[in-house]
Amino acid sequence: MRVFVDTSAWVALADTSDSQHTEARTLWEHLLSSNAELVTTNYVAVETIAVLQRRLGMQAVNRALPSIASVHIEWVDEPLHSAGMQLFITQNRRELSLVDCVSFECMRREGIQLAFCFDAHFSEFGFRQLTEADFSEG
């Protein structure tokens, strides 16, 4: 199982006051004990660090860095950036970020359908949000 990890998941993991914190911890523990290949982009890493720094401070950033560094980071190259930028411009929506658009294009390029996220845009763009059911035996 390959899973893309979004900023919304990293933030929920780090912020104990986040409404998704408990669910994020449970899913993260499942991911760590599974054979899942976790993937993110350097754009998501930068965005996550900026959000955590602004909301929670450097101590939270320093606690999150080992987890972020533990996943496979896809470095955004020029073609991936351009594809994400094209999607961003085409969508022309205030609430949809360039980082999200690059994430979607990365997932398409890498054949990843499952996202550890708390962002409805992923399902809107045809991806599936990770749930506890993904770890059920059956």
N, C-alpha and C. Protein backbone atom coordinates (compact mmCIF):
# COMPACT_ATOMS: atom_id res chain seq x y z
N MET A 1 0.86 -1.18 0.00
CA MET A 1 0.00 0.00 0.00
C MET A 1 0.90 1.24 0.00
N ARG A 2 0.66 2.12 -0.97
CA ARG A 2 1.36 3.41 -1.02
C ARG A 2 0.38 4.49 -0.59
N VAL A 3 0.83 5.37 0.29
CA VAL A 3 -0.03 6.40 0.86
C VAL A 3 0.68 7.75 0.78
N PHE A 4 -0.02 8.72 0.22
CA PHE A 4 0.50 10.08 0.17
C PHE A 4 0.12 10.79 1.47
N VAL A 5 1.08 11.46 2.10
CA VAL A 5 0.84 12.16 3.36
C VAL A 5 0.77 13.66 3.08
N ASP A 6 -0.36 14.26 3.43
CA ASP A 6 -0.63 15.67 3.19
C ASP A 6 -0.35 16.52 4.43
N THR A 7 -0.19 17.80 4.20
CA THR A 7 0.01 18.78 5.28
C THR A 7 -1.07 18.66 6.34
N SER A 8 -2.32 18.48 5.93
CA SER A 8 -3.42 18.41 6.89
C SER A 8 -3.22 17.27 7.88
N ALA A 9 -2.63 16.17 7.45
CA ALA A 9 -2.36 15.05 8.35
C ALA A 9 -1.22 15.38 9.30
N TRP A 10 -0.15 15.96 8.76
CA TRP A 10 0.98 16.34 9.62
C TRP A 10 0.53 17.32 10.71
N VAL A 11 -0.28 18.29 10.33
CA VAL A 11 -0.74 19.30 11.29
C VAL A 11 -1.64 18.66 12.35
N ALA A 12 -2.55 17.80 11.91
CA ALA A 12 -3.43 17.12 12.87
C ALA A 12 -2.62 16.26 13.84
N LEU A 13 -1.56 15.63 13.35
CA LEU A 13 -0.70 14.84 14.23
C LEU A 13 -0.01 15.70 15.28
N ALA A 14 0.44 16.87 14.87
CA ALA A 14 1.25 17.72 15.75
C ALA A 14 0.43 18.56 16.73
N ASP A 15 -0.78 18.91 16.33
CA ASP A 15 -1.59 19.85 17.11
C ASP A 15 -2.64 19.10 17.92
N THR A 16 -2.40 18.98 19.23
CA THR A 16 -3.33 18.24 20.09
C THR A 16 -4.70 18.89 20.19
N SER A 17 -4.81 20.17 19.82
CA SER A 17 -6.11 20.84 19.85
C SER A 17 -6.86 20.71 18.51
N ASP A 18 -6.23 20.11 17.53
CA ASP A 18 -6.86 19.91 16.22
C ASP A 18 -7.99 18.90 16.36
N SER A 19 -9.13 19.16 15.73
CA SER A 19 -10.29 18.26 15.85
C SER A 19 -10.01 16.86 15.29
N GLN A 20 -9.03 16.71 14.43
CA GLN A 20 -8.70 15.40 13.87
C GLN A 20 -7.49 14.74 14.53
N HIS A 21 -7.00 15.33 15.61
CA HIS A 21 -5.76 14.83 16.23
C HIS A 21 -5.86 13.35 16.61
N THR A 22 -6.91 12.95 17.30
CA THR A 22 -7.03 11.57 17.76
C THR A 22 -7.09 10.61 16.59
N GLU A 23 -7.88 10.94 15.59
CA GLU A 23 -7.96 10.09 14.39
C GLU A 23 -6.61 10.02 13.68
N ALA A 24 -5.94 11.16 13.59
CA ALA A 24 -4.62 11.20 12.94
C ALA A 24 -3.62 10.31 13.67
N ARG A 25 -3.62 10.35 15.00
CA ARG A 25 -2.68 9.51 15.78
C ARG A 25 -2.98 8.03 15.53
N THR A 26 -4.25 7.67 15.53
CA THR A 26 -4.62 6.27 15.31
C THR A 26 -4.17 5.81 13.93
N LEU A 27 -4.47 6.61 12.91
CA LEU A 27 -4.07 6.24 11.54
C LEU A 27 -2.55 6.18 11.40
N TRP A 28 -1.85 7.12 12.01
CA TRP A 28 -0.39 7.15 11.94
C TRP A 28 0.19 5.88 12.56
N GLU A 29 -0.34 5.48 13.71
CA GLU A 29 0.13 4.26 14.36
C GLU A 29 -0.12 3.04 13.47
N HIS A 30 -1.29 2.99 12.83
CA HIS A 30 -1.57 1.91 11.89
C HIS A 30 -0.57 1.92 10.74
N LEU A 31 -0.31 3.09 10.20
CA LEU A 31 0.63 3.20 9.08
C LEU A 31 2.02 2.72 9.48
N LEU A 32 2.47 3.14 10.65
CA LEU A 32 3.81 2.76 11.10
C LEU A 32 3.94 1.26 11.33
N SER A 33 2.86 0.61 11.72
CA SER A 33 2.92 -0.83 11.99
C SER A 33 2.60 -1.67 10.75
N SER A 34 2.26 -1.01 9.66
CA SER A 34 1.94 -1.72 8.42
C SER A 34 3.15 -1.68 7.49
N ASN A 35 2.98 -2.25 6.34
CA ASN A 35 4.03 -2.20 5.32
C ASN A 35 3.80 -1.07 4.33
N ALA A 36 3.05 -0.06 4.73
CA ALA A 36 2.73 1.04 3.83
C ALA A 36 3.99 1.82 3.45
N GLU A 37 4.05 2.20 2.19
CA GLU A 37 5.10 3.12 1.74
C GLU A 37 4.50 4.51 1.80
N LEU A 38 5.07 5.35 2.65
CA LEU A 38 4.57 6.71 2.84
C LEU A 38 5.34 7.67 1.96
N VAL A 39 4.59 8.51 1.25
CA VAL A 39 5.17 9.43 0.27
C VAL A 39 4.62 10.82 0.52
N THR A 40 5.46 11.81 0.36
CA THR A 40 5.03 13.21 0.35
C THR A 40 5.93 13.95 -0.62
N THR A 41 5.74 15.25 -0.74
CA THR A 41 6.63 16.04 -1.59
C THR A 41 7.39 17.04 -0.74
N ASN A 42 8.45 17.58 -1.30
CA ASN A 42 9.17 18.62 -0.59
C ASN A 42 8.29 19.87 -0.43
N TYR A 43 7.33 20.08 -1.34
CA TYR A 43 6.40 21.21 -1.19
C TYR A 43 5.54 21.03 0.06
N VAL A 44 5.04 19.80 0.27
CA VAL A 44 4.24 19.51 1.46
C VAL A 44 5.09 19.68 2.71
N ALA A 45 6.34 19.23 2.67
CA ALA A 45 7.22 19.37 3.83
C ALA A 45 7.42 20.85 4.18
N VAL A 46 7.67 21.67 3.17
CA VAL A 46 7.87 23.11 3.41
C VAL A 46 6.59 23.74 3.96
N GLU A 47 5.45 23.41 3.35
CA GLU A 47 4.18 23.96 3.81
C GLU A 47 3.90 23.53 5.25
N THR A 48 4.14 22.27 5.56
CA THR A 48 3.89 21.75 6.91
C THR A 48 4.75 22.48 7.94
N ILE A 49 6.01 22.63 7.65
CA ILE A 49 6.91 23.32 8.57
C ILE A 49 6.45 24.76 8.78
N ALA A 50 6.06 25.44 7.72
CA ALA A 50 5.59 26.83 7.83
C ALA A 50 4.32 26.92 8.68
N VAL A 51 3.38 26.02 8.46
CA VAL A 51 2.12 26.04 9.22
C VAL A 51 2.40 25.75 10.70
N LEU A 52 3.19 24.73 10.97
CA LEU A 52 3.50 24.38 12.36
C LEU A 52 4.25 25.51 13.06
N GLN A 53 5.21 26.09 12.37
CA GLN A 53 5.98 27.19 12.95
C GLN A 53 5.07 28.35 13.32
N ARG A 54 4.17 28.70 12.41
CA ARG A 54 3.27 29.83 12.63
C ARG A 54 2.25 29.53 13.74
N ARG A 55 1.66 28.34 13.70
CA ARG A 55 0.59 28.01 14.65
C ARG A 55 1.09 27.58 16.02
N LEU A 56 2.17 26.78 16.03
CA LEU A 56 2.57 26.12 17.27
C LEU A 56 3.98 26.44 17.75
N GLY A 57 4.80 27.02 16.87
CA GLY A 57 6.16 27.38 17.27
C GLY A 57 7.20 26.36 16.86
N MET A 58 8.44 26.72 17.11
CA MET A 58 9.57 25.90 16.68
C MET A 58 9.67 24.57 17.42
N GLN A 59 9.21 24.52 18.65
CA GLN A 59 9.26 23.26 19.38
C GLN A 59 8.42 22.20 18.65
N ALA A 60 7.25 22.59 18.16
CA ALA A 60 6.40 21.67 17.41
C ALA A 60 7.06 21.26 16.09
N VAL A 61 7.71 22.20 15.44
CA VAL A 61 8.43 21.88 14.20
C VAL A 61 9.50 20.83 14.49
N ASN A 62 10.28 21.06 15.54
CA ASN A 62 11.36 20.13 15.87
C ASN A 62 10.84 18.74 16.23
N ARG A 63 9.66 18.66 16.86
CA ARG A 63 9.06 17.35 17.17
C ARG A 63 8.58 16.66 15.89
N ALA A 64 8.09 17.43 14.92
CA ALA A 64 7.53 16.85 13.69
C ALA A 64 8.59 16.45 12.67
N LEU A 65 9.73 17.08 12.70
CA LEU A 65 10.75 16.85 11.66
C LEU A 65 11.17 15.38 11.50
N PRO A 66 11.37 14.63 12.58
CA PRO A 66 11.75 13.22 12.37
C PRO A 66 10.68 12.41 11.63
N SER A 67 9.41 12.67 11.91
CA SER A 67 8.33 11.96 11.20
C SER A 67 8.32 12.34 9.73
N ILE A 68 8.46 13.62 9.45
CA ILE A 68 8.47 14.08 8.06
C ILE A 68 9.65 13.46 7.32
N ALA A 69 10.80 13.45 7.97
CA ALA A 69 12.01 12.90 7.34
C ALA A 69 11.94 11.39 7.16
N SER A 70 11.02 10.72 7.88
CA SER A 70 10.94 9.26 7.80
C SER A 70 10.19 8.75 6.57
N VAL A 71 9.50 9.63 5.86
CA VAL A 71 8.75 9.20 4.68
C VAL A 71 9.56 9.49 3.42
N HIS A 72 9.18 8.83 2.34
CA HIS A 72 9.85 9.09 1.05
C HIS A 72 9.39 10.45 0.54
N ILE A 73 10.34 11.32 0.28
CA ILE A 73 10.01 12.66 -0.23
C ILE A 73 10.29 12.70 -1.73
N GLU A 74 9.22 12.92 -2.49
CA GLU A 74 9.34 13.14 -3.93
C GLU A 74 9.72 14.60 -4.13
N TRP A 75 10.87 14.82 -4.74
CA TRP A 75 11.30 16.19 -4.99
C TRP A 75 10.61 16.70 -6.25
N VAL A 76 9.97 17.83 -6.14
CA VAL A 76 9.20 18.39 -7.25
C VAL A 76 10.17 18.91 -8.30
N ASP A 77 10.10 18.29 -9.48
CA ASP A 77 10.92 18.73 -10.60
C ASP A 77 10.12 19.71 -11.46
N GLU A 78 10.74 20.22 -12.50
CA GLU A 78 10.07 21.22 -13.34
C GLU A 78 8.80 20.68 -13.99
N PRO A 79 8.80 19.47 -14.57
CA PRO A 79 7.54 18.98 -15.16
C PRO A 79 6.41 18.83 -14.14
N LEU A 80 6.73 18.34 -12.94
CA LEU A 80 5.70 18.18 -11.91
C LEU A 80 5.19 19.54 -11.45
N HIS A 81 6.09 20.48 -11.24
CA HIS A 81 5.69 21.84 -10.86
C HIS A 81 4.79 22.44 -11.94
N SER A 82 5.18 22.28 -13.19
CA SER A 82 4.40 22.85 -14.30
C SER A 82 3.01 22.23 -14.39
N ALA A 83 2.93 20.91 -14.20
CA ALA A 83 1.63 20.24 -14.23
C ALA A 83 0.74 20.74 -13.09
N GLY A 84 1.33 20.88 -11.90
CA GLY A 84 0.58 21.39 -10.76
C GLY A 84 0.15 22.83 -10.98
N MET A 85 1.04 23.64 -11.54
CA MET A 85 0.71 25.03 -11.81
C MET A 85 -0.41 25.14 -12.84
N GLN A 86 -0.37 24.28 -13.85
CA GLN A 86 -1.43 24.28 -14.87
C GLN A 86 -2.78 23.94 -14.24
N LEU A 87 -2.80 22.93 -13.40
CA LEU A 87 -4.03 22.55 -12.71
C LEU A 87 -4.51 23.70 -11.82
N PHE A 88 -3.60 24.31 -11.10
CA PHE A 88 -3.91 25.43 -10.21
C PHE A 88 -4.55 26.58 -10.99
N ILE A 89 -3.95 26.93 -12.12
CA ILE A 89 -4.47 28.03 -12.95
C ILE A 89 -5.82 27.65 -13.56
N THR A 90 -5.92 26.44 -14.06
CA THR A 90 -7.17 25.98 -14.67
C THR A 90 -8.32 25.97 -13.67
N GLN A 91 -8.06 25.53 -12.46
CA GLN A 91 -9.09 25.46 -11.43
C GLN A 91 -9.53 26.85 -10.97
N ASN A 92 -8.58 27.78 -10.89
CA ASN A 92 -8.90 29.19 -10.59
C ASN A 92 -9.79 29.32 -9.34
N ARG A 93 -9.36 28.65 -8.26
CA ARG A 93 -10.15 28.64 -7.03
C ARG A 93 -9.33 29.13 -5.85
N ARG A 94 -9.88 30.03 -5.09
CA ARG A 94 -9.18 30.62 -3.96
C ARG A 94 -8.80 29.58 -2.90
N GLU A 95 -9.65 28.61 -2.64
CA GLU A 95 -9.42 27.65 -1.56
C GLU A 95 -8.56 26.45 -1.96
N LEU A 96 -8.16 26.37 -3.22
CA LEU A 96 -7.33 25.25 -3.68
C LEU A 96 -5.90 25.76 -3.86
N SER A 97 -4.96 25.17 -3.13
CA SER A 97 -3.59 25.68 -3.14
C SER A 97 -2.74 25.05 -4.24
N LEU A 98 -1.67 25.73 -4.58
CA LEU A 98 -0.69 25.19 -5.52
C LEU A 98 -0.09 23.91 -4.95
N VAL A 99 0.18 23.88 -3.66
CA VAL A 99 0.73 22.67 -3.04
C VAL A 99 -0.22 21.49 -3.24
N ASP A 100 -1.52 21.71 -3.05
CA ASP A 100 -2.49 20.65 -3.29
C ASP A 100 -2.44 20.18 -4.74
N CYS A 101 -2.43 21.11 -5.66
CA CYS A 101 -2.41 20.75 -7.08
C CYS A 101 -1.16 19.96 -7.45
N VAL A 102 -0.02 20.35 -6.91
CA VAL A 102 1.21 19.59 -7.15
C VAL A 102 1.10 18.21 -6.50
N SER A 103 0.49 18.13 -5.33
CA SER A 103 0.29 16.83 -4.68
C SER A 103 -0.56 15.91 -5.55
N PHE A 104 -1.65 16.43 -6.11
CA PHE A 104 -2.51 15.62 -6.97
C PHE A 104 -1.75 15.12 -8.18
N GLU A 105 -0.97 15.99 -8.80
CA GLU A 105 -0.20 15.58 -9.97
C GLU A 105 0.88 14.57 -9.60
N CYS A 106 1.49 14.73 -8.44
CA CYS A 106 2.47 13.76 -7.96
C CYS A 106 1.81 12.41 -7.76
N MET A 107 0.65 12.40 -7.13
CA MET A 107 -0.07 11.14 -6.89
C MET A 107 -0.42 10.47 -8.20
N ARG A 108 -0.86 11.25 -9.17
CA ARG A 108 -1.18 10.67 -10.49
C ARG A 108 0.06 10.06 -11.12
N ARG A 109 1.16 10.83 -11.10
CA ARG A 109 2.41 10.38 -11.71
C ARG A 109 2.92 9.11 -11.05
N GLU A 110 2.76 9.01 -9.74
CA GLU A 110 3.28 7.86 -8.98
C GLU A 110 2.27 6.73 -8.84
N GLY A 111 1.05 6.92 -9.34
CA GLY A 111 0.02 5.88 -9.25
C GLY A 111 -0.49 5.66 -7.84
N ILE A 112 -0.51 6.70 -7.03
CA ILE A 112 -0.98 6.61 -5.65
C ILE A 112 -2.44 7.07 -5.59
N GLN A 113 -3.30 6.24 -5.02
CA GLN A 113 -4.72 6.57 -4.94
C GLN A 113 -5.18 6.93 -3.53
N LEU A 114 -4.36 6.63 -2.54
CA LEU A 114 -4.75 6.76 -1.14
C LEU A 114 -3.97 7.89 -0.47
N ALA A 115 -4.70 8.76 0.24
CA ALA A 115 -4.05 9.90 0.90
C ALA A 115 -4.37 9.91 2.39
N PHE A 116 -3.34 10.12 3.19
CA PHE A 116 -3.52 10.39 4.61
C PHE A 116 -3.68 11.90 4.70
N CYS A 117 -4.94 12.32 4.81
CA CYS A 117 -5.26 13.74 4.76
C CYS A 117 -6.58 14.02 5.46
N PHE A 118 -6.80 15.28 5.71
CA PHE A 118 -8.08 15.76 6.24
C PHE A 118 -8.49 16.96 5.38
N ASP A 119 -8.42 16.77 4.08
CA ASP A 119 -8.67 17.80 3.09
C ASP A 119 -9.59 17.21 2.02
N ALA A 120 -10.80 17.73 1.93
CA ALA A 120 -11.80 17.20 1.00
C ALA A 120 -11.40 17.34 -0.46
N HIS A 121 -10.44 18.20 -0.76
CA HIS A 121 -10.01 18.36 -2.14
C HIS A 121 -9.45 17.06 -2.72
N PHE A 122 -8.84 16.23 -1.88
CA PHE A 122 -8.27 14.98 -2.39
C PHE A 122 -9.36 14.09 -2.98
N SER A 123 -10.47 13.91 -2.26
CA SER A 123 -11.54 13.08 -2.82
C SER A 123 -12.21 13.76 -4.00
N GLU A 124 -12.30 15.07 -3.96
CA GLU A 124 -12.87 15.82 -5.09
C GLU A 124 -12.08 15.57 -6.37
N PHE A 125 -10.77 15.34 -6.23
CA PHE A 125 -9.91 15.12 -7.39
C PHE A 125 -9.66 13.63 -7.67
N GLY A 126 -10.49 12.77 -7.07
CA GLY A 126 -10.47 11.36 -7.43
C GLY A 126 -9.61 10.47 -6.56
N PHE A 127 -9.11 10.98 -5.45
CA PHE A 127 -8.29 10.17 -4.56
C PHE A 127 -9.11 9.75 -3.35
N ARG A 128 -8.66 8.72 -2.66
CA ARG A 128 -9.37 8.20 -1.51
C ARG A 128 -8.64 8.57 -0.24
N GLN A 129 -9.40 9.03 0.76
CA GLN A 129 -8.83 9.39 2.05
C GLN A 129 -8.66 8.14 2.90
N LEU A 130 -7.50 7.98 3.51
CA LEU A 130 -7.20 6.87 4.39
C LEU A 130 -8.17 6.85 5.57
N THR A 131 -8.65 5.67 5.91
CA THR A 131 -9.52 5.50 7.08
C THR A 131 -9.06 4.24 7.83
N GLU A 132 -9.61 4.04 9.01
CA GLU A 132 -9.28 2.84 9.78
C GLU A 132 -9.67 1.57 9.04
N ALA A 133 -10.68 1.64 8.19
CA ALA A 133 -11.12 0.48 7.42
C ALA A 133 -10.00 -0.05 6.51
N ASP A 134 -9.05 0.80 6.14
CA ASP A 134 -7.94 0.37 5.30
C ASP A 134 -7.02 -0.60 6.03
N PHE A 135 -7.19 -0.72 7.34
CA PHE A 135 -6.34 -1.60 8.13
C PHE A 135 -7.10 -2.79 8.69
N SER A 136 -8.37 -2.90 8.33
CA SER A 136 -9.18 -4.03 8.79
C SER A 136 -8.81 -5.27 8.02
N GLU A 137 -8.81 -6.36 8.69
CA GLU A 137 -8.58 -7.64 8.01
C GLU A 137 -9.89 -8.09 7.40
N GLY A 138 -9.83 -8.64 6.27
CA GLY A 138 -11.08 -9.09 5.70
C GLY A 138 -10.89 -9.49 4.33
